[in-house]
């Protein structure tokens, strides 16, 4: 039996790109919150999207 060749349709590509964009939009706030959790307030104000240079744990 011959194997059927699947073709990429433009609608599938557009759907895939939209799905990736939505995933980034939903994951970014979680990433931002996690990165901010390990920074001091000064580091957050200086560069909010940078990775923490050192771990800063806030203890109540």
PDB file of N, CA and C in Angstrom:
ATOM      1  N   UNK A   1       0.832  -1.190   0.000  1.00  0.00           N
ATOM      2  CA  UNK A   1       0.000   0.000   0.000  1.00  0.00           C
ATOM      3  C   UNK A   1       0.871   1.246   0.000  1.00  0.00           C
ATOM      4  N   UNK A   2       0.452   2.182  -0.757  1.00  0.00           N
ATOM      5  CA  UNK A   2       1.182   3.442  -0.796  1.00  0.00           C
ATOM      6  C   UNK A   2       0.747   4.317   0.364  1.00  0.00           C
ATOM      7  N   UNK A   3       1.699   5.026   0.855  1.00  0.00           N
ATOM      8  CA  UNK A   3       1.417   5.923   1.979  1.00  0.00           C
ATOM      9  C   UNK A   3       0.928   7.261   1.434  1.00  0.00           C
ATOM     10  N   UNK A   4      -0.140   7.771   2.008  1.00  0.00           N
ATOM     11  CA  UNK A   4      -0.698   9.048   1.557  1.00  0.00           C
ATOM     12  C   UNK A   4       0.202  10.191   2.007  1.00  0.00           C
ATOM     13  N   UNK A   5       0.440  11.115   1.115  1.00  0.00           N
ATOM     14  CA  UNK A   5       1.270  12.280   1.419  1.00  0.00           C
ATOM     15  C   UNK A   5       0.360  13.394   1.906  1.00  0.00           C
ATOM     16  N   UNK A   6       0.651  13.905   3.102  1.00  0.00           N
ATOM     17  CA  UNK A   6      -0.146  15.002   3.646  1.00  0.00           C
ATOM     18  C   UNK A   6       0.404  16.320   3.128  1.00  0.00           C
ATOM     19  N   UNK A   7      -0.480  17.172   2.684  1.00  0.00           N
ATOM     20  CA  UNK A   7      -0.074  18.475   2.184  1.00  0.00           C
ATOM     21  C   UNK A   7      -0.399  19.534   3.222  1.00  0.00           C
ATOM     22  N   UNK A   8       0.477  20.500   3.322  1.00  0.00           N
ATOM     23  CA  UNK A   8       0.232  21.620   4.221  1.00  0.00           C
ATOM     24  C   UNK A   8      -0.664  22.629   3.516  1.00  0.00           C
ATOM     25  N   UNK A   9      -1.760  22.910   4.138  1.00  0.00           N
ATOM     26  CA  UNK A   9      -2.672  23.906   3.586  1.00  0.00           C
ATOM     27  C   UNK A   9      -2.389  25.241   4.250  1.00  0.00           C
ATOM     28  N   UNK A  10      -2.627  26.327   3.545  1.00  0.00           N
ATOM     29  CA  UNK A  10      -2.420  27.651   4.147  1.00  0.00           C
ATOM     30  C   UNK A  10      -3.260  27.856   5.407  1.00  0.00           C
ATOM     31  N   UNK A  11      -4.439  27.277   5.451  1.00  0.00           N
ATOM     32  CA  UNK A  11      -5.277  27.427   6.645  1.00  0.00           C
ATOM     33  C   UNK A  11      -4.645  26.743   7.854  1.00  0.00           C
ATOM     34  N   UNK A  12      -3.972  25.610   7.647  1.00  0.00           N
ATOM     35  CA  UNK A  12      -3.295  24.925   8.753  1.00  0.00           C
ATOM     36  C   UNK A  12      -2.106  25.752   9.256  1.00  0.00           C
ATOM     37  N   UNK A  13      -1.391  26.367   8.353  1.00  0.00           N
ATOM     38  CA  UNK A  13      -0.243  27.195   8.738  1.00  0.00           C
ATOM     39  C   UNK A  13      -0.712  28.411   9.525  1.00  0.00           C
ATOM     40  N   UNK A  14      -1.785  29.051   9.064  1.00  0.00           N
ATOM     41  CA  UNK A  14      -2.316  30.224   9.769  1.00  0.00           C
ATOM     42  C   UNK A  14      -2.813  29.825  11.153  1.00  0.00           C
ATOM     43  N   UNK A  15      -3.499  28.695  11.252  1.00  0.00           N
ATOM     44  CA  UNK A  15      -3.984  28.209  12.539  1.00  0.00           C
ATOM     45  C   UNK A  15      -2.820  27.915  13.479  1.00  0.00           C
ATOM     46  N   UNK A  16      -1.759  27.309  12.966  1.00  0.00           N
ATOM     47  CA  UNK A  16      -0.589  27.003  13.785  1.00  0.00           C
ATOM     48  C   UNK A  16       0.068  28.278  14.298  1.00  0.00           C
ATOM     49  N   UNK A  17       0.236  29.275  13.445  1.00  0.00           N
ATOM     50  CA  UNK A  17       0.853  30.547  13.846  1.00  0.00           C
ATOM     51  C   UNK A  17      -0.003  31.244  14.897  1.00  0.00           C
ATOM     52  N   UNK A  18      -1.314  31.249  14.713  1.00  0.00           N
ATOM     53  CA  UNK A  18      -2.208  31.868  15.705  1.00  0.00           C
ATOM     54  C   UNK A  18      -2.133  31.142  17.043  1.00  0.00           C
ATOM     55  N   UNK A  19      -2.037  29.827  17.006  1.00  0.00           N
ATOM     56  CA  UNK A  19      -1.927  29.044  18.234  1.00  0.00           C
ATOM     57  C   UNK A  19      -0.636  29.371  18.976  1.00  0.00           C
ATOM     58  N   UNK A  20       0.458  29.492  18.257  1.00  0.00           N
ATOM     59  CA  UNK A  20       1.735  29.842  18.877  1.00  0.00           C
ATOM     60  C   UNK A  20       1.669  31.233  19.488  1.00  0.00           C
ATOM     61  N   UNK A  21       1.084  32.193  18.785  1.00  0.00           N
ATOM     62  CA  UNK A  21       0.962  33.554  19.321  1.00  0.00           C
ATOM     63  C   UNK A  21       0.112  33.589  20.588  1.00  0.00           C
ATOM     64  N   UNK A  22      -0.985  32.868  20.603  1.00  0.00           N
ATOM     65  CA  UNK A  22      -1.828  32.808  21.796  1.00  0.00           C
ATOM     66  C   UNK A  22      -1.092  32.140  22.954  1.00  0.00           C
ATOM     67  N   UNK A  23      -0.334  31.103  22.668  1.00  0.00           N
ATOM     68  CA  UNK A  23       0.425  30.429  23.721  1.00  0.00           C
ATOM     69  C   UNK A  23       1.438  31.378  24.343  1.00  0.00           C
ATOM     70  N   UNK A  24       2.115  32.167  23.525  1.00  0.00           N
ATOM     71  CA  UNK A  24       3.089  33.141  24.049  1.00  0.00           C
ATOM     72  C   UNK A  24       2.377  34.197  24.890  1.00  0.00           C
ATOM     73  N   UNK A  25       1.223  34.662  24.431  1.00  0.00           N
ATOM     74  CA  UNK A  25       0.478  35.670  25.190  1.00  0.00           C
ATOM     75  C   UNK A  25       0.031  35.162  26.553  1.00  0.00           C
ATOM     76  N   UNK A  26      -0.316  33.899  26.653  1.00  0.00           N
ATOM     77  CA  UNK A  26      -0.766  33.339  27.919  1.00  0.00           C
ATOM     78  C   UNK A  26       0.391  32.950  28.837  1.00  0.00           C
ATOM     79  N   UNK A  27       1.528  32.564  28.290  1.00  0.00           N
ATOM     80  CA  UNK A  27       2.660  32.105  29.094  1.00  0.00           C
ATOM     81  C   UNK A  27       3.512  33.271  29.599  1.00  0.00           C
ATOM     82  N   UNK A  28       3.558  34.379  28.856  1.00  0.00           N
ATOM     83  CA  UNK A  28       4.419  35.501  29.234  1.00  0.00           C
ATOM     84  C   UNK A  28       4.123  36.042  30.631  1.00  0.00           C
ATOM     85  N   UNK A  29       2.878  36.272  31.040  1.00  0.00           N
ATOM     86  CA  UNK A  29       2.652  36.780  32.406  1.00  0.00           C
ATOM     87  C   UNK A  29       3.134  35.827  33.497  1.00  0.00           C
ATOM     88  N   UNK A  30       3.029  34.536  33.252  1.00  0.00           N
ATOM     89  CA  UNK A  30       3.520  33.560  34.232  1.00  0.00           C
ATOM     90  C   UNK A  30       5.040  33.637  34.312  1.00  0.00           C
ATOM     91  N   UNK A  31       5.692  33.722  33.161  1.00  0.00           N
ATOM     92  CA  UNK A  31       7.151  33.864  33.123  1.00  0.00           C
ATOM     93  C   UNK A  31       7.587  35.143  33.841  1.00  0.00           C
ATOM     94  N   UNK A  32       6.892  36.248  33.578  1.00  0.00           N
ATOM     95  CA  UNK A  32       7.214  37.533  34.201  1.00  0.00           C
ATOM     96  C   UNK A  32       7.063  37.452  35.724  1.00  0.00           C
ATOM     97  N   UNK A  33       6.001  36.824  36.204  1.00  0.00           N
ATOM     98  CA  UNK A  33       5.776  36.692  37.647  1.00  0.00           C
ATOM     99  C   UNK A  33       6.869  35.840  38.294  1.00  0.00           C
ATOM    100  N   UNK A  34       7.256  34.760  37.640  1.00  0.00           N
ATOM    101  CA  UNK A  34       8.316  33.911  38.197  1.00  0.00           C
ATOM    102  C   UNK A  34       9.658  34.634  38.236  1.00  0.00           C
ATOM    103  N   UNK A  35       9.985  35.368  37.186  1.00  0.00           N
ATOM    104  CA  UNK A  35      11.242  36.109  37.169  1.00  0.00           C
ATOM    105  C   UNK A  35      11.237  37.218  38.233  1.00  0.00           C
ATOM    106  N   UNK A  36      10.111  37.863  38.416  1.00  0.00           N
ATOM    107  CA  UNK A  36      10.013  38.940  39.409  1.00  0.00           C
ATOM    108  C   UNK A  36      10.073  38.407  40.834  1.00  0.00           C
ATOM    109  N   UNK A  37       9.670  37.169  41.026  1.00  0.00           N
ATOM    110  CA  UNK A  37       9.669  36.591  42.365  1.00  0.00           C
ATOM    111  C   UNK A  37      11.079  36.441  42.924  1.00  0.00           C
ATOM    112  N   UNK A  38      12.077  36.328  42.059  1.00  0.00           N
ATOM    113  CA  UNK A  38      13.446  36.122  42.505  1.00  0.00           C
ATOM    114  C   UNK A  38      14.322  37.354  42.333  1.00  0.00           C
ATOM    115  N   UNK A  39      13.711  38.534  42.179  1.00  0.00           N
ATOM    116  CA  UNK A  39      14.460  39.786  42.038  1.00  0.00           C
ATOM    117  C   UNK A  39      14.097  40.731  43.169  1.00  0.00           C
ATOM    118  N   UNK A  40      15.011  41.633  43.453  1.00  0.00           N
ATOM    119  CA  UNK A  40      14.698  42.687  44.412  1.00  0.00           C
ATOM    120  C   UNK A  40      13.841  43.739  43.712  1.00  0.00           C
ATOM    121  N   UNK A  41      13.225  44.618  44.481  1.00  0.00           N
ATOM    122  CA  UNK A  41      12.385  45.663  43.887  1.00  0.00           C
ATOM    123  C   UNK A  41      13.194  46.561  42.955  1.00  0.00           C
ATOM    124  N   UNK A  42      14.439  46.866  43.314  1.00  0.00           N
ATOM    125  CA  UNK A  42      15.286  47.691  42.468  1.00  0.00           C
ATOM    126  C   UNK A  42      15.584  47.038  41.139  1.00  0.00           C
ATOM    127  N   UNK A  43      15.829  45.734  41.159  1.00  0.00           N
ATOM    128  CA  UNK A  43      16.093  44.999  39.912  1.00  0.00           C
ATOM    129  C   UNK A  43      14.860  44.972  39.017  1.00  0.00           C
ATOM    130  N   UNK A  44      13.688  44.846  39.634  1.00  0.00           N
ATOM    131  CA  UNK A  44      12.451  44.830  38.851  1.00  0.00           C
ATOM    132  C   UNK A  44      12.246  46.181  38.178  1.00  0.00           C
ATOM    133  N   UNK A  45      12.499  47.262  38.902  1.00  0.00           N
ATOM    134  CA  UNK A  45      12.312  48.598  38.332  1.00  0.00           C
ATOM    135  C   UNK A  45      13.372  48.919  37.281  1.00  0.00           C
ATOM    136  N   UNK A  46      14.580  48.389  37.467  1.00  0.00           N
ATOM    137  CA  UNK A  46      15.668  48.656  36.529  1.00  0.00           C
ATOM    138  C   UNK A  46      15.429  47.979  35.179  1.00  0.00           C
ATOM    139  N   UNK A  47      15.138  46.691  35.199  1.00  0.00           N
ATOM    140  CA  UNK A  47      14.905  45.941  33.964  1.00  0.00           C
ATOM    141  C   UNK A  47      13.919  44.806  34.267  1.00  0.00           C
ATOM    142  N   UNK A  48      12.623  45.045  34.054  1.00  0.00           N
ATOM    143  CA  UNK A  48      11.615  44.072  34.479  1.00  0.00           C
ATOM    144  C   UNK A  48      11.648  42.739  33.733  1.00  0.00           C
ATOM    145  N   UNK A  49      12.143  42.689  32.507  1.00  0.00           N
ATOM    146  CA  UNK A  49      12.098  41.434  31.750  1.00  0.00           C
ATOM    147  C   UNK A  49      13.416  40.663  31.750  1.00  0.00           C
ATOM    148  N   UNK A  50      14.435  41.179  32.396  1.00  0.00           N
ATOM    149  CA  UNK A  50      15.730  40.493  32.419  1.00  0.00           C
ATOM    150  C   UNK A  50      15.696  39.320  33.403  1.00  0.00           C
ATOM    151  N   UNK A  51      16.543  38.357  33.147  1.00  0.00           N
ATOM    152  CA  UNK A  51      16.695  37.255  34.088  1.00  0.00           C
ATOM    153  C   UNK A  51      17.388  37.769  35.345  1.00  0.00           C
ATOM    154  N   UNK A  52      17.074  37.201  36.507  1.00  0.00           N
ATOM    155  CA  UNK A  52      17.723  37.666  37.735  1.00  0.00           C
ATOM    156  C   UNK A  52      19.226  37.377  37.717  1.00  0.00           C
ATOM    157  N   UNK A  53      20.021  38.377  38.118  1.00  0.00           N
ATOM    158  CA  UNK A  53      21.471  38.205  38.169  1.00  0.00           C
ATOM    159  C   UNK A  53      21.857  37.332  39.353  1.00  0.00           C
ATOM    160  N   UNK A  54      21.146  37.478  40.453  1.00  0.00           N
ATOM    161  CA  UNK A  54      21.360  36.635  41.625  1.00  0.00           C
ATOM    162  C   UNK A  54      19.998  36.373  42.269  1.00  0.00           C
ATOM    163  N   UNK A  55      19.923  35.300  43.027  1.00  0.00           N
ATOM    164  CA  UNK A  55      18.655  34.963  43.652  1.00  0.00           C
ATOM    165  C   UNK A  55      18.401  35.866  44.852  1.00  0.00           C
ATOM    166  N   UNK A  56      17.210  36.361  44.920  1.00  0.00           N
ATOM    167  CA  UNK A  56      16.771  37.209  46.025  1.00  0.00           C
ATOM    168  C   UNK A  56      15.482  36.620  46.547  1.00  0.00           C
ATOM    169  N   UNK A  57      15.521  36.049  47.744  1.00  0.00           N
ATOM    170  CA  UNK A  57      14.333  35.439  48.315  1.00  0.00           C
ATOM    171  C   UNK A  57      13.758  36.358  49.376  1.00  0.00           C
ATOM    172  N   UNK A  58      12.525  36.741  49.219  1.00  0.00           N
ATOM    173  CA  UNK A  58      11.851  37.592  50.209  1.00  0.00           C
ATOM    174  C   UNK A  58      11.253  36.722  51.289  1.00  0.00           C
ATOM    175  N   UNK A  59      11.663  36.950  52.504  1.00  0.00           N
ATOM    176  CA  UNK A  59      11.142  36.185  53.633  1.00  0.00           C
ATOM    177  C   UNK A  59      10.293  37.124  54.470  1.00  0.00           C
ATOM    178  N   UNK A  60       9.077  36.704  54.746  1.00  0.00           N
ATOM    179  CA  UNK A  60       8.164  37.550  55.523  1.00  0.00           C
ATOM    180  C   UNK A  60       8.568  37.659  56.963  1.00  0.00           C
TER     181      UNK A  60
END
